[in-house]
Amino acid sequence: MQFIVATKDYAGLGFAVQQLLKRRSEFKDAYWVWDLNHSVDENEVLRREGFRVLGGGAHAYTMEHDRKACLDFVGRYGLETPPSFSFDSPGEAMKFCAGHAAAH
């Protein structure tokens, strides 16, 4: 069993996706594992061609980088976003936190 860790910053196994994509026919039986949301086009090429790809891709990239699309997607399944509050100063935030302390 062969695994290829596709990494953007070489923190994984050091394989550059663009280099291996050119030789992908050699790795048809490998499992391609993405460490982060990068190289989306390359990821989608492998998926379209039937490679085994874990992580990354257009959907993951969209969910991370397009808040509206993500909220629309999760909303279709009944998930609601938690409320969001903005503050103009650290003091305001601290006052809010003190008034909304979680019960333990």
PDB file of N, CA and C in Angstrom:
ATOM      1  N   MET A   1       0.839  -1.162   0.000  1.00  0.00           N
ATOM      2  CA  MET A   1       0.000   0.000   0.000  1.00  0.00           C
ATOM      3  C   MET A   1       0.897   1.242   0.000  1.00  0.00           C
ATOM      4  N   GLN A   2       0.606   2.161  -0.882  1.00  0.00           N
ATOM      5  CA  GLN A   2       1.441   3.354  -1.034  1.00  0.00           C
ATOM      6  C   GLN A   2       0.623   4.605  -0.729  1.00  0.00           C
ATOM      7  N   PHE A   3       1.222   5.522   0.036  1.00  0.00           N
ATOM      8  CA  PHE A   3       0.584   6.782   0.379  1.00  0.00           C
ATOM      9  C   PHE A   3       1.444   7.926  -0.120  1.00  0.00           C
ATOM     10  N   ILE A   4       0.791   8.934  -0.663  1.00  0.00           N
ATOM     11  CA  ILE A   4       1.487  10.145  -1.061  1.00  0.00           C
ATOM     12  C   ILE A   4       0.876  11.278  -0.258  1.00  0.00           C
ATOM     13  N   VAL A   5       1.684  11.954   0.537  1.00  0.00           N
ATOM     14  CA  VAL A   5       1.210  13.088   1.319  1.00  0.00           C
ATOM     15  C   VAL A   5       1.513  14.343   0.525  1.00  0.00           C
ATOM     16  N   ALA A   6       0.455  14.973   0.042  1.00  0.00           N
ATOM     17  CA  ALA A   6       0.597  16.202  -0.737  1.00  0.00           C
ATOM     18  C   ALA A   6       0.671  17.371   0.239  1.00  0.00           C
ATOM     19  N   THR A   7       1.803  18.021   0.272  1.00  0.00           N
ATOM     20  CA  THR A   7       2.027  19.064   1.253  1.00  0.00           C
ATOM     21  C   THR A   7       2.459  20.360   0.579  1.00  0.00           C
ATOM     22  N   LYS A   8       1.932  21.444   1.061  1.00  0.00           N
ATOM     23  CA  LYS A   8       2.253  22.748   0.486  1.00  0.00           C
ATOM     24  C   LYS A   8       3.607  23.262   0.984  1.00  0.00           C
ATOM     25  N   ASP A   9       3.850  23.072   2.260  1.00  0.00           N
ATOM     26  CA  ASP A   9       5.064  23.657   2.857  1.00  0.00           C
ATOM     27  C   ASP A   9       6.113  22.604   3.213  1.00  0.00           C
ATOM     28  N   TYR A  10       5.961  21.402   2.667  1.00  0.00           N
ATOM     29  CA  TYR A  10       6.916  20.317   2.888  1.00  0.00           C
ATOM     30  C   TYR A  10       6.976  19.865   4.345  1.00  0.00           C
ATOM     31  N   ALA A  11       5.905  20.133   5.108  1.00  0.00           N
ATOM     32  CA  ALA A  11       5.868  19.679   6.498  1.00  0.00           C
ATOM     33  C   ALA A  11       5.488  18.199   6.577  1.00  0.00           C
ATOM     34  N   GLY A  12       4.895  17.676   5.521  1.00  0.00           N
ATOM     35  CA  GLY A  12       4.519  16.256   5.489  1.00  0.00           C
ATOM     36  C   GLY A  12       5.736  15.439   5.106  1.00  0.00           C
ATOM     37  N   LEU A  13       5.613  14.687   4.051  1.00  0.00           N
ATOM     38  CA  LEU A  13       6.729  13.859   3.601  1.00  0.00           C
ATOM     39  C   LEU A  13       7.573  14.553   2.534  1.00  0.00           C
ATOM     40  N   GLY A  14       7.230  15.797   2.236  1.00  0.00           N
ATOM     41  CA  GLY A  14       8.055  16.570   1.318  1.00  0.00           C
ATOM     42  C   GLY A  14       7.746  16.381  -0.151  1.00  0.00           C
ATOM     43  N   PHE A  15       6.621  15.802  -0.494  1.00  0.00           N
ATOM     44  CA  PHE A  15       6.283  15.611  -1.898  1.00  0.00           C
ATOM     45  C   PHE A  15       5.578  16.839  -2.449  1.00  0.00           C
ATOM     46  N   ALA A  16       6.087  17.389  -3.506  1.00  0.00           N
ATOM     47  CA  ALA A  16       5.440  18.514  -4.171  1.00  0.00           C
ATOM     48  C   ALA A  16       4.413  17.966  -5.151  1.00  0.00           C
ATOM     49  N   VAL A  17       3.179  18.365  -5.000  1.00  0.00           N
ATOM     50  CA  VAL A  17       2.082  17.840  -5.804  1.00  0.00           C
ATOM     51  C   VAL A  17       2.336  18.049  -7.292  1.00  0.00           C
ATOM     52  N   GLN A  18       2.781  19.229  -7.667  1.00  0.00           N
ATOM     53  CA  GLN A  18       2.961  19.537  -9.088  1.00  0.00           C
ATOM     54  C   GLN A  18       3.959  18.586  -9.748  1.00  0.00           C
ATOM     55  N   GLN A  19       5.000  18.212  -9.017  1.00  0.00           N
ATOM     56  CA  GLN A  19       6.008  17.293  -9.590  1.00  0.00           C
ATOM     57  C   GLN A  19       5.431  15.892  -9.786  1.00  0.00           C
ATOM     58  N   LEU A  20       4.685  15.427  -8.790  1.00  0.00           N
ATOM     59  CA  LEU A  20       4.137  14.069  -8.869  1.00  0.00           C
ATOM     60  C   LEU A  20       2.954  13.980  -9.821  1.00  0.00           C
ATOM     61  N   LEU A  21       2.246  15.074  -9.996  1.00  0.00           N
ATOM     62  CA  LEU A  21       1.093  15.056 -10.884  1.00  0.00           C
ATOM     63  C   LEU A  21       1.508  14.700 -12.310  1.00  0.00           C
ATOM     64  N   LYS A  22       2.677  15.133 -12.712  1.00  0.00           N
ATOM     65  CA  LYS A  22       3.174  14.826 -14.059  1.00  0.00           C
ATOM     66  C   LYS A  22       3.413  13.324 -14.234  1.00  0.00           C
ATOM     67  N   ARG A  23       3.720  12.638 -13.122  1.00  0.00           N
ATOM     68  CA  ARG A  23       4.010  11.198 -13.162  1.00  0.00           C
ATOM     69  C   ARG A  23       2.889  10.385 -12.530  1.00  0.00           C
ATOM     70  N   ARG A  24       1.704  10.945 -12.473  1.00  0.00           N
ATOM     71  CA  ARG A  24       0.621  10.320 -11.720  1.00  0.00           C
ATOM     72  C   ARG A  24       0.264   8.915 -12.190  1.00  0.00           C
ATOM     73  N   SER A  25       0.492   8.607 -13.431  1.00  0.00           N
ATOM     74  CA  SER A  25       0.161   7.253 -13.903  1.00  0.00           C
ATOM     75  C   SER A  25       0.952   6.190 -13.140  1.00  0.00           C
ATOM     76  N   GLU A  26       2.113   6.561 -12.608  1.00  0.00           N
ATOM     77  CA  GLU A  26       2.927   5.635 -11.815  1.00  0.00           C
ATOM     78  C   GLU A  26       2.317   5.364 -10.443  1.00  0.00           C
ATOM     79  N   PHE A  27       1.388   6.238 -10.040  1.00  0.00           N
ATOM     80  CA  PHE A  27       0.846   6.176  -8.680  1.00  0.00           C
ATOM     81  C   PHE A  27      -0.662   5.938  -8.669  1.00  0.00           C
ATOM     82  N   LYS A  28      -1.167   5.238  -9.669  1.00  0.00           N
ATOM     83  CA  LYS A  28      -2.605   5.011  -9.805  1.00  0.00           C
ATOM     84  C   LYS A  28      -3.181   4.255  -8.608  1.00  0.00           C
ATOM     85  N   ASP A  29      -2.413   3.379  -7.996  1.00  0.00           N
ATOM     86  CA  ASP A  29      -2.909   2.586  -6.861  1.00  0.00           C
ATOM     87  C   ASP A  29      -2.608   3.217  -5.506  1.00  0.00           C
ATOM     88  N   ALA A  30      -1.970   4.366  -5.497  1.00  0.00           N
ATOM     89  CA  ALA A  30      -1.607   5.027  -4.238  1.00  0.00           C
ATOM     90  C   ALA A  30      -2.795   5.783  -3.658  1.00  0.00           C
ATOM     91  N   TYR A  31      -2.692   6.069  -2.381  1.00  0.00           N
ATOM     92  CA  TYR A  31      -3.644   6.939  -1.693  1.00  0.00           C
ATOM     93  C   TYR A  31      -2.992   8.315  -1.588  1.00  0.00           C
ATOM     94  N   TRP A  32      -3.654   9.327  -2.115  1.00  0.00           N
ATOM     95  CA  TRP A  32      -3.151  10.697  -2.082  1.00  0.00           C
ATOM     96  C   TRP A  32      -3.812  11.408  -0.906  1.00  0.00           C
ATOM     97  N   VAL A  33      -3.008  11.906   0.019  1.00  0.00           N
ATOM     98  CA  VAL A  33      -3.523  12.546   1.231  1.00  0.00           C
ATOM     99  C   VAL A  33      -3.084  14.012   1.245  1.00  0.00           C
ATOM    100  N   TRP A  34      -4.059  14.904   1.306  1.00  0.00           N
ATOM    101  CA  TRP A  34      -3.761  16.338   1.359  1.00  0.00           C
ATOM    102  C   TRP A  34      -3.616  16.779   2.799  1.00  0.00           C
ATOM    103  N   ASP A  35      -2.557  17.564   3.104  1.00  0.00           N
ATOM    104  CA  ASP A  35      -2.338  18.018   4.470  1.00  0.00           C
ATOM    105  C   ASP A  35      -3.085  19.309   4.775  1.00  0.00           C
ATOM    106  N   LEU A  36      -3.388  20.106   3.769  1.00  0.00           N
ATOM    107  CA  LEU A  36      -4.081  21.396   3.940  1.00  0.00           C
ATOM    108  C   LEU A  36      -4.927  21.656   2.696  1.00  0.00           C
ATOM    109  N   ASN A  37      -5.599  22.789   2.680  1.00  0.00           N
ATOM    110  CA  ASN A  37      -6.376  23.175   1.497  1.00  0.00           C
ATOM    111  C   ASN A  37      -5.483  23.957   0.538  1.00  0.00           C
ATOM    112  N   HIS A  38      -4.823  23.252  -0.326  1.00  0.00           N
ATOM    113  CA  HIS A  38      -3.935  23.856  -1.318  1.00  0.00           C
ATOM    114  C   HIS A  38      -3.999  23.011  -2.583  1.00  0.00           C
ATOM    115  N   SER A  39      -3.455  23.510  -3.649  1.00  0.00           N
ATOM    116  CA  SER A  39      -3.380  22.768  -4.913  1.00  0.00           C
ATOM    117  C   SER A  39      -4.738  22.162  -5.286  1.00  0.00           C
ATOM    118  N   VAL A  40      -5.761  23.000  -5.219  1.00  0.00           N
ATOM    119  CA  VAL A  40      -7.134  22.541  -5.461  1.00  0.00           C
ATOM    120  C   VAL A  40      -7.293  21.964  -6.864  1.00  0.00           C
ATOM    121  N   ASP A  41      -6.754  22.646  -7.866  1.00  0.00           N
ATOM    122  CA  ASP A  41      -6.904  22.156  -9.241  1.00  0.00           C
ATOM    123  C   ASP A  41      -6.281  20.774  -9.405  1.00  0.00           C
ATOM    124  N   GLU A  42      -5.110  20.570  -8.839  1.00  0.00           N
ATOM    125  CA  GLU A  42      -4.430  19.283  -8.939  1.00  0.00           C
ATOM    126  C   GLU A  42      -5.237  18.198  -8.225  1.00  0.00           C
ATOM    127  N   ASN A  43      -5.762  18.542  -7.058  1.00  0.00           N
ATOM    128  CA  ASN A  43      -6.589  17.621  -6.297  1.00  0.00           C
ATOM    129  C   ASN A  43      -7.796  17.174  -7.115  1.00  0.00           C
ATOM    130  N   GLU A  44      -8.454  18.130  -7.759  1.00  0.00           N
ATOM    131  CA  GLU A  44      -9.656  17.825  -8.531  1.00  0.00           C
ATOM    132  C   GLU A  44      -9.332  17.013  -9.795  1.00  0.00           C
ATOM    133  N   VAL A  45      -8.171  17.235 -10.392  1.00  0.00           N
ATOM    134  CA  VAL A  45      -7.747  16.419 -11.548  1.00  0.00           C
ATOM    135  C   VAL A  45      -7.650  14.955 -11.124  1.00  0.00           C
ATOM    136  N   LEU A  46      -6.992  14.716  -9.999  1.00  0.00           N
ATOM    137  CA  LEU A  46      -6.842  13.341  -9.515  1.00  0.00           C
ATOM    138  C   LEU A  46      -8.201  12.710  -9.224  1.00  0.00           C
ATOM    139  N   ARG A  47      -9.083  13.453  -8.595  1.00  0.00           N
ATOM    140  CA  ARG A  47     -10.427  12.929  -8.284  1.00  0.00           C
ATOM    141  C   ARG A  47     -11.176  12.563  -9.567  1.00  0.00           C
ATOM    142  N   ARG A  48     -11.150  13.479 -10.541  1.00  0.00           N
ATOM    143  CA  ARG A  48     -11.846  13.217 -11.814  1.00  0.00           C
ATOM    144  C   ARG A  48     -11.306  11.982 -12.513  1.00  0.00           C
ATOM    145  N   GLU A  49     -10.009  11.745 -12.352  1.00  0.00           N
ATOM    146  CA  GLU A  49      -9.378  10.603 -13.017  1.00  0.00           C
ATOM    147  C   GLU A  49      -9.470   9.313 -12.206  1.00  0.00           C
ATOM    148  N   GLY A  50     -10.177   9.360 -11.089  1.00  0.00           N
ATOM    149  CA  GLY A  50     -10.425   8.142 -10.319  1.00  0.00           C
ATOM    150  C   GLY A  50      -9.370   7.768  -9.299  1.00  0.00           C
ATOM    151  N   PHE A  51      -8.461   8.675  -8.974  1.00  0.00           N
ATOM    152  CA  PHE A  51      -7.463   8.394  -7.946  1.00  0.00           C
ATOM    153  C   PHE A  51      -8.114   8.416  -6.568  1.00  0.00           C
ATOM    154  N   ARG A  52      -7.480   7.788  -5.607  1.00  0.00           N
ATOM    155  CA  ARG A  52      -7.952   7.796  -4.215  1.00  0.00           C
ATOM    156  C   ARG A  52      -7.370   9.026  -3.535  1.00  0.00           C
ATOM    157  N   VAL A  53      -8.245   9.999  -3.235  1.00  0.00           N
ATOM    158  CA  VAL A  53      -7.793  11.277  -2.676  1.00  0.00           C
ATOM    159  C   VAL A  53      -8.523  11.538  -1.364  1.00  0.00           C
ATOM    160  N   LEU A  54      -7.758  11.831  -0.322  1.00  0.00           N
ATOM    161  CA  LEU A  54      -8.323  12.146   0.984  1.00  0.00           C
ATOM    162  C   LEU A  54      -7.968  13.582   1.344  1.00  0.00           C
ATOM    163  N   GLY A  55      -8.986  14.382   1.621  1.00  0.00           N
ATOM    164  CA  GLY A  55      -8.775  15.770   2.037  1.00  0.00           C
ATOM    165  C   GLY A  55      -8.610  16.705   0.861  1.00  0.00           C
ATOM    166  N   GLY A  56      -8.594  17.977   1.181  1.00  0.00           N
ATOM    167  CA  GLY A  56      -8.416  19.002   0.159  1.00  0.00           C
ATOM    168  C   GLY A  56      -9.560  19.042  -0.825  1.00  0.00           C
ATOM    169  N   GLY A  57      -9.332  19.673  -1.958  1.00  0.00           N
ATOM    170  CA  GLY A  57     -10.332  19.738  -3.015  1.00  0.00           C
ATOM    171  C   GLY A  57     -11.186  20.990  -2.953  1.00  0.00           C
ATOM    172  N   ALA A  58     -12.026  21.136  -3.959  1.00  0.00           N
ATOM    173  CA  ALA A  58     -12.840  22.338  -4.115  1.00  0.00           C
ATOM    174  C   ALA A  58     -13.823  22.515  -2.968  1.00  0.00           C
ATOM    175  N   HIS A  59     -14.459  21.432  -2.532  1.00  0.00           N
ATOM    176  CA  HIS A  59     -15.448  21.567  -1.455  1.00  0.00           C
ATOM    177  C   HIS A  59     -14.784  22.049  -0.160  1.00  0.00           C
ATOM    178  N   ALA A  60     -13.706  21.404   0.239  1.00  0.00           N
ATOM    179  CA  ALA A  60     -13.012  21.798   1.471  1.00  0.00           C
ATOM    180  C   ALA A  60     -12.500  23.238   1.376  1.00  0.00           C
ATOM    181  N   TYR A  61     -11.977  23.601   0.219  1.00  0.00           N
ATOM    182  CA  TYR A  61     -11.465  24.957   0.029  1.00  0.00           C
ATOM    183  C   TYR A  61     -12.598  25.973   0.173  1.00  0.00           C
ATOM    184  N   THR A  62     -13.738  25.675  -0.443  1.00  0.00           N
ATOM    185  CA  THR A  62     -14.888  26.573  -0.360  1.00  0.00           C
ATOM    186  C   THR A  62     -15.383  26.690   1.075  1.00  0.00           C
ATOM    187  N   MET A  63     -15.480  25.576   1.768  1.00  0.00           N
ATOM    188  CA  MET A  63     -15.973  25.616   3.150  1.00  0.00           C
ATOM    189  C   MET A  63     -15.058  26.441   4.051  1.00  0.00           C
ATOM    190  N   GLU A  64     -13.794  26.449   3.759  1.00  0.00           N
ATOM    191  CA  GLU A  64     -12.861  27.206   4.596  1.00  0.00           C
ATOM    192  C   GLU A  64     -12.765  28.677   4.203  1.00  0.00           C
ATOM    193  N   HIS A  65     -12.918  28.982   2.929  1.00  0.00           N
ATOM    194  CA  HIS A  65     -12.642  30.336   2.467  1.00  0.00           C
ATOM    195  C   HIS A  65     -13.853  31.147   2.034  1.00  0.00           C
ATOM    196  N   ASP A  66     -15.029  30.537   1.964  1.00  0.00           N
ATOM    197  CA  ASP A  66     -16.237  31.261   1.547  1.00  0.00           C
ATOM    198  C   ASP A  66     -17.297  31.074   2.624  1.00  0.00           C
ATOM    199  N   ARG A  67     -17.335  32.021   3.558  1.00  0.00           N
ATOM    200  CA  ARG A  67     -18.222  31.909   4.727  1.00  0.00           C
ATOM    201  C   ARG A  67     -19.686  31.745   4.320  1.00  0.00           C
ATOM    202  N   LYS A  68     -20.143  32.536   3.354  1.00  0.00           N
ATOM    203  CA  LYS A  68     -21.542  32.455   2.950  1.00  0.00           C
ATOM    204  C   LYS A  68     -21.861  31.067   2.391  1.00  0.00           C
ATOM    205  N   ALA A  69     -21.010  30.554   1.526  1.00  0.00           N
ATOM    206  CA  ALA A  69     -21.240  29.222   0.960  1.00  0.00           C
ATOM    207  C   ALA A  69     -21.254  28.165   2.062  1.00  0.00           C
ATOM    208  N   CYS A  70     -20.375  28.299   3.018  1.00  0.00           N
ATOM    209  CA  CYS A  70     -20.315  27.343   4.119  1.00  0.00           C
ATOM    210  C   CYS A  70     -21.595  27.405   4.948  1.00  0.00           C
ATOM    211  N   LEU A  71     -22.034  28.622   5.284  1.00  0.00           N
ATOM    212  CA  LEU A  71     -23.251  28.759   6.082  1.00  0.00           C
ATOM    213  C   LEU A  71     -24.474  28.260   5.327  1.00  0.00           C
ATOM    214  N   ASP A  72     -24.535  28.518   4.026  1.00  0.00           N
ATOM    215  CA  ASP A  72     -25.639  27.998   3.214  1.00  0.00           C
ATOM    216  C   ASP A  72     -25.638  26.466   3.233  1.00  0.00           C
ATOM    217  N   PHE A  73     -24.458  25.875   3.102  1.00  0.00           N
ATOM    218  CA  PHE A  73     -24.337  24.414   3.073  1.00  0.00           C
ATOM    219  C   PHE A  73     -24.791  23.797   4.396  1.00  0.00           C
ATOM    220  N   VAL A  74     -24.238  24.265   5.506  1.00  0.00           N
ATOM    221  CA  VAL A  74     -24.592  23.660   6.791  1.00  0.00           C
ATOM    222  C   VAL A  74     -26.033  23.974   7.170  1.00  0.00           C
ATOM    223  N   GLY A  75     -26.538  25.127   6.718  1.00  0.00           N
ATOM    224  CA  GLY A  75     -27.928  25.487   6.987  1.00  0.00           C
ATOM    225  C   GLY A  75     -28.909  24.518   6.367  1.00  0.00           C
ATOM    226  N   ARG A  76     -28.565  23.942   5.219  1.00  0.00           N
ATOM    227  CA  ARG A  76     -29.434  22.952   4.576  1.00  0.00           C
ATOM    228  C   ARG A  76     -29.614  21.708   5.438  1.00  0.00           C
ATOM    229  N   TYR A  77     -28.707  21.497   6.382  1.00  0.00           N
ATOM    230  CA  TYR A  77     -28.772  20.325   7.248  1.00  0.00           C
ATOM    231  C   TYR A  77     -29.169  20.678   8.679  1.00  0.00           C
ATOM    232  N   GLY A  78     -29.701  21.892   8.839  1.00  0.00           N
ATOM    233  CA  GLY A  78     -30.239  22.297  10.131  1.00  0.00           C
ATOM    234  C   GLY A  78     -29.232  22.851  11.126  1.00  0.00           C
ATOM    235  N   LEU A  79     -27.991  23.024  10.721  1.00  0.00           N
ATOM    236  CA  LEU A  79     -27.012  23.596  11.648  1.00  0.00           C
ATOM    237  C   LEU A  79     -27.103  25.114  11.614  1.00  0.00           C
ATOM    238  N   GLU A  80     -27.101  25.703  12.779  1.00  0.00           N
ATOM    239  CA  GLU A  80     -27.151  27.160  12.867  1.00  0.00           C
ATOM    240  C   GLU A  80     -25.811  27.678  13.363  1.00  0.00           C
ATOM    241  N   THR A  81     -25.471  28.852  12.890  1.00  0.00           N
ATOM    242  CA  THR A  81     -24.218  29.451  13.351  1.00  0.00           C
ATOM    243  C   THR A  81     -24.424  30.040  14.739  1.00  0.00           C
ATOM    244  N   PRO A  82     -23.411  29.966  15.568  1.00  0.00           N
ATOM    245  CA  PRO A  82     -23.525  30.598  16.887  1.00  0.00           C
ATOM    246  C   PRO A  82     -23.530  32.111  16.721  1.00  0.00           C
ATOM    247  N   PRO A  83     -24.081  32.818  17.690  1.00  0.00           N
ATOM    248  CA  PRO A  83     -24.086  34.277  17.579  1.00  0.00           C
ATOM    249  C   PRO A  83     -22.655  34.833  17.599  1.00  0.00           C
ATOM    250  N   SER A  84     -22.503  35.966  16.976  1.00  0.00           N
ATOM    251  CA  SER A  84     -21.194  36.618  16.901  1.00  0.00           C
ATOM    252  C   SER A  84     -21.324  38.021  17.481  1.00  0.00           C
ATOM    253  N   PHE A  85     -20.342  38.440  18.230  1.00  0.00           N
ATOM    254  CA  PHE A  85     -20.353  39.751  18.860  1.00  0.00           C
ATOM    255  C   PHE A  85     -19.048  40.467  18.552  1.00  0.00           C
ATOM    256  N   SER A  86     -19.141  41.748  18.277  1.00  0.00           N
ATOM    257  CA  SER A  86     -17.915  42.515  18.050  1.00  0.00           C
ATOM    258  C   SER A  86     -17.778  43.557  19.154  1.00  0.00           C
ATOM    259  N   PHE A  87     -16.537  43.916  19.426  1.00  0.00           N
ATOM    260  CA  PHE A  87     -16.241  44.852  20.508  1.00  0.00           C
ATOM    261  C   PHE A  87     -15.253  45.892  20.016  1.00  0.00           C
ATOM    262  N   ASP A  88     -15.377  47.091  20.549  1.00  0.00           N
ATOM    263  CA  ASP A  88     -14.479  48.182  20.175  1.00  0.00           C
ATOM    264  C   ASP A  88     -13.268  48.287  21.091  1.00  0.00           C
ATOM    265  N   SER A  89     -13.308  47.562  22.198  1.00  0.00           N
ATOM    266  CA  SER A  89     -12.174  47.633  23.116  1.00  0.00           C
ATOM    267  C   SER A  89     -12.083  46.339  23.918  1.00  0.00           C
ATOM    268  N   PRO A  90     -10.902  46.052  24.447  1.00  0.00           N
ATOM    269  CA  PRO A  90     -10.758  44.863  25.299  1.00  0.00           C
ATOM    270  C   PRO A  90     -11.663  44.934  26.533  1.00  0.00           C
ATOM    271  N   GLY A  91     -11.853  46.130  27.049  1.00  0.00           N
ATOM    272  CA  GLY A  91     -12.716  46.296  28.223  1.00  0.00           C
ATOM    273  C   GLY A  91     -14.149  45.872  27.948  1.00  0.00           C
ATOM    274  N   GLU A  92     -14.661  46.248  26.775  1.00  0.00           N
ATOM    275  CA  GLU A  92     -16.019  45.837  26.391  1.00  0.00           C
ATOM    276  C   GLU A  92     -16.114  44.317  26.325  1.00  0.00           C
ATOM    277  N   ALA A  93     -15.114  43.705  25.737  1.00  0.00           N
ATOM    278  CA  ALA A  93     -15.114  42.244  25.603  1.00  0.00           C
ATOM    279  C   ALA A  93     -15.063  41.580  26.977  1.00  0.00           C
ATOM    280  N   MET A  94     -14.239  42.097  27.858  1.00  0.00           N
ATOM    281  CA  MET A  94     -14.125  41.528  29.202  1.00  0.00           C
ATOM    282  C   MET A  94     -15.435  41.676  29.972  1.00  0.00           C
ATOM    283  N   LYS A  95     -16.094  42.826  29.824  1.00  0.00           N
ATOM    284  CA  LYS A  95     -17.378  43.051  30.487  1.00  0.00           C
ATOM    285  C   LYS A  95     -18.417  42.056  29.960  1.00  0.00           C
ATOM    286  N   PHE A  96     -18.436  41.869  28.657  1.00  0.00           N
ATOM    287  CA  PHE A  96     -19.358  40.910  28.043  1.00  0.00           C
ATOM    288  C   PHE A  96     -19.098  39.504  28.592  1.00  0.00           C
ATOM    289  N   CYS A  97     -17.839  39.117  28.627  1.00  0.00           N
ATOM    290  CA  CYS A  97     -17.491  37.772  29.113  1.00  0.00           C
ATOM    291  C   CYS A  97     -17.894  37.587  30.562  1.00  0.00           C
ATOM    292  N   ALA A  98     -17.679  38.599  31.361  1.00  0.00           N
ATOM    293  CA  ALA A  98     -18.050  38.498  32.790  1.00  0.00           C
ATOM    294  C   ALA A  98     -19.554  38.330  32.944  1.00  0.00           C
ATOM    295  N   GLY A  99     -20.326  38.981  32.075  1.00  0.00           N
ATOM    296  CA  GLY A  99     -21.778  38.883  32.152  1.00  0.00           C
ATOM    297  C   GLY A  99     -22.341  37.628  31.497  1.00  0.00           C
ATOM    298  N   HIS A 100     -21.513  36.908  30.791  1.00  0.00           N
ATOM    299  CA  HIS A 100     -21.965  35.701  30.103  1.00  0.00           C
ATOM    300  C   HIS A 100     -21.085  34.499  30.440  1.00  0.00           C
ATOM    301  N   ALA A 101     -20.665  34.419  31.676  1.00  0.00           N
ATOM    302  CA  ALA A 101     -19.787  33.313  32.095  1.00  0.00           C
ATOM    303  C   ALA A 101     -20.539  31.990  31.997  1.00  0.00           C
ATOM    304  N   ALA A 102     -19.849  31.006  31.495  1.00  0.00           N
ATOM    305  CA  ALA A 102     -20.450  29.671  31.373  1.00  0.00           C
ATOM    306  C   ALA A 102     -20.536  29.012  32.743  1.00  0.00           C
ATOM    307  N   ALA A 103     -21.651  28.353  32.988  1.00  0.00           N
ATOM    308  CA  ALA A 103     -21.810  27.613  34.244  1.00  0.00           C
ATOM    309  C   ALA A 103     -21.060  26.294  34.150  1.00  0.00           C
ATOM    310  N   HIS A 104     -20.310  25.975  35.184  1.00  0.00           N
ATOM    311  CA  HIS A 104     -19.558  24.703  35.191  1.00  0.00           C
ATOM    312  C   HIS A 104     -20.151  23.774  36.204  1.00  0.00           C
TER     313      HIS A 104
END
